[in-house]
Amino acid sequence: MAVITLNPEMVAGGAPIFIARNEEEQKRIALILSRVLKGMVHDLENGTYIIVKH
């Protein structure tokens, strides 16, 4: 549903990509988007979070 990253060069694709300035902003964006989209946040542990709908 969405990608939130600190490293824009590591992502591409069909989901909306949000680029955060730091980890704190990344977590805040992921939390807000997961609530709005009613999805789950998954940390890929490479500076990227994804939001998916299970």
N, C-alpha and C. Protein backbone atom coordinates (compact mmCIF):
# COMPACT_ATOMS: atom_id res chain seq x y z
N MET A 1 0.81 -1.19 0.00
CA MET A 1 0.00 0.00 0.00
C MET A 1 0.86 1.26 0.00
N ALA A 2 2.01 1.22 0.71
CA ALA A 2 2.89 2.39 0.76
C ALA A 2 4.28 1.95 1.22
N VAL A 3 5.26 2.76 0.87
CA VAL A 3 6.65 2.53 1.27
C VAL A 3 7.15 3.82 1.92
N ILE A 4 7.80 3.69 3.08
CA ILE A 4 8.41 4.82 3.76
C ILE A 4 9.89 4.49 3.90
N THR A 5 10.74 5.34 3.35
CA THR A 5 12.15 5.00 3.31
C THR A 5 13.04 6.17 3.70
N LEU A 6 14.24 5.83 4.13
CA LEU A 6 15.30 6.80 4.35
C LEU A 6 16.24 6.82 3.15
N ASN A 7 16.15 5.78 2.30
CA ASN A 7 17.05 5.61 1.16
C ASN A 7 16.25 5.50 -0.14
N PRO A 8 15.93 6.61 -0.76
CA PRO A 8 15.07 6.56 -1.95
C PRO A 8 15.67 5.77 -3.11
N GLU A 9 16.98 5.64 -3.17
CA GLU A 9 17.61 4.88 -4.26
C GLU A 9 17.39 3.38 -4.12
N MET A 10 16.90 2.93 -2.97
CA MET A 10 16.69 1.50 -2.74
C MET A 10 15.29 1.03 -3.12
N VAL A 11 14.38 1.95 -3.44
CA VAL A 11 13.00 1.56 -3.72
C VAL A 11 12.53 2.05 -5.08
N ALA A 12 11.62 1.29 -5.64
CA ALA A 12 10.95 1.64 -6.89
C ALA A 12 9.71 0.80 -6.96
N GLY A 13 8.76 1.20 -7.74
CA GLY A 13 7.60 0.34 -7.89
C GLY A 13 6.28 1.06 -7.94
N GLY A 14 5.22 0.26 -7.76
CA GLY A 14 3.87 0.76 -7.94
C GLY A 14 3.23 1.37 -6.72
N ALA A 15 3.79 1.20 -5.55
CA ALA A 15 3.20 1.77 -4.33
C ALA A 15 3.72 3.20 -4.14
N PRO A 16 2.92 4.06 -3.50
CA PRO A 16 3.41 5.40 -3.18
C PRO A 16 4.64 5.31 -2.27
N ILE A 17 5.64 6.13 -2.55
CA ILE A 17 6.89 6.13 -1.80
C ILE A 17 7.01 7.44 -1.04
N PHE A 18 7.20 7.35 0.27
CA PHE A 18 7.39 8.51 1.11
C PHE A 18 8.83 8.51 1.60
N ILE A 19 9.52 9.63 1.44
CA ILE A 19 10.92 9.72 1.82
C ILE A 19 11.00 10.54 3.11
N ALA A 20 11.53 9.91 4.15
CA ALA A 20 11.65 10.57 5.46
C ALA A 20 13.06 11.12 5.63
N ARG A 21 13.16 12.19 6.42
CA ARG A 21 14.47 12.82 6.69
C ARG A 21 15.27 12.07 7.73
N ASN A 22 14.57 11.41 8.67
CA ASN A 22 15.26 10.69 9.74
C ASN A 22 14.34 9.58 10.26
N GLU A 23 14.86 8.75 11.16
CA GLU A 23 14.09 7.61 11.66
C GLU A 23 12.84 8.02 12.43
N GLU A 24 12.93 9.10 13.18
CA GLU A 24 11.76 9.56 13.94
C GLU A 24 10.63 9.96 13.00
N GLU A 25 10.95 10.71 11.97
CA GLU A 25 9.93 11.10 11.00
C GLU A 25 9.39 9.87 10.26
N GLN A 26 10.27 8.94 9.95
CA GLN A 26 9.86 7.71 9.26
C GLN A 26 8.83 6.93 10.09
N LYS A 27 9.09 6.78 11.36
CA LYS A 27 8.16 6.07 12.24
C LYS A 27 6.83 6.80 12.34
N ARG A 28 6.87 8.13 12.44
CA ARG A 28 5.64 8.91 12.54
C ARG A 28 4.81 8.79 11.27
N ILE A 29 5.44 8.88 10.10
CA ILE A 29 4.73 8.74 8.83
C ILE A 29 4.12 7.35 8.73
N ALA A 30 4.88 6.33 9.08
CA ALA A 30 4.39 4.95 9.00
C ALA A 30 3.18 4.75 9.90
N LEU A 31 3.23 5.28 11.10
CA LEU A 31 2.12 5.14 12.04
C LEU A 31 0.85 5.83 11.51
N ILE A 32 1.00 7.05 11.05
CA ILE A 32 -0.16 7.79 10.54
C ILE A 32 -0.75 7.10 9.32
N LEU A 33 0.11 6.71 8.38
CA LEU A 33 -0.39 6.04 7.17
C LEU A 33 -1.06 4.71 7.48
N SER A 34 -0.49 3.96 8.43
CA SER A 34 -1.10 2.66 8.76
C SER A 34 -2.50 2.85 9.35
N ARG A 35 -2.69 3.89 10.10
CA ARG A 35 -4.03 4.17 10.68
C ARG A 35 -5.00 4.59 9.59
N VAL A 36 -4.55 5.49 8.71
CA VAL A 36 -5.42 5.98 7.64
C VAL A 36 -5.78 4.87 6.67
N LEU A 37 -4.79 4.05 6.31
CA LEU A 37 -5.00 2.99 5.32
C LEU A 37 -5.52 1.69 5.93
N LYS A 38 -5.56 1.63 7.27
CA LYS A 38 -5.96 0.43 7.99
C LYS A 38 -5.10 -0.77 7.57
N GLY A 39 -3.79 -0.53 7.55
CA GLY A 39 -2.84 -1.56 7.17
C GLY A 39 -1.85 -1.84 8.28
N MET A 40 -0.95 -2.78 8.02
CA MET A 40 0.08 -3.17 8.98
C MET A 40 1.44 -2.67 8.50
N VAL A 41 2.26 -2.20 9.44
CA VAL A 41 3.60 -1.72 9.11
C VAL A 41 4.59 -2.86 9.31
N HIS A 42 5.48 -3.03 8.35
CA HIS A 42 6.55 -4.02 8.45
C HIS A 42 7.88 -3.31 8.21
N ASP A 43 8.83 -3.52 9.11
CA ASP A 43 10.17 -2.95 9.00
C ASP A 43 11.04 -3.93 8.23
N LEU A 44 11.56 -3.51 7.09
CA LEU A 44 12.44 -4.39 6.30
C LEU A 44 13.87 -4.35 6.79
N GLU A 45 14.14 -3.54 7.82
CA GLU A 45 15.45 -3.44 8.47
C GLU A 45 16.55 -3.00 7.53
N ASN A 46 16.22 -2.25 6.52
CA ASN A 46 17.24 -1.69 5.63
C ASN A 46 16.95 -0.21 5.39
N GLY A 47 16.29 0.43 6.37
CA GLY A 47 15.91 1.81 6.23
C GLY A 47 14.58 1.99 5.54
N THR A 48 13.82 0.91 5.40
CA THR A 48 12.55 0.95 4.68
C THR A 48 11.44 0.27 5.47
N TYR A 49 10.29 0.91 5.55
CA TYR A 49 9.08 0.32 6.10
C TYR A 49 8.10 0.15 4.94
N ILE A 50 7.28 -0.89 5.01
CA ILE A 50 6.20 -1.03 4.04
C ILE A 50 4.89 -1.15 4.83
N ILE A 51 3.83 -0.71 4.21
CA ILE A 51 2.50 -0.85 4.79
C ILE A 51 1.71 -1.76 3.86
N VAL A 52 1.18 -2.84 4.43
CA VAL A 52 0.43 -3.82 3.65
C VAL A 52 -0.92 -4.05 4.29
N LYS A 53 -1.82 -4.58 3.51
CA LYS A 53 -3.15 -4.96 4.01
C LYS A 53 -3.20 -6.49 4.00
N HIS A 54 -3.39 -7.09 5.16
CA HIS A 54 -3.45 -8.57 5.25
C HIS A 54 -4.84 -9.05 5.05
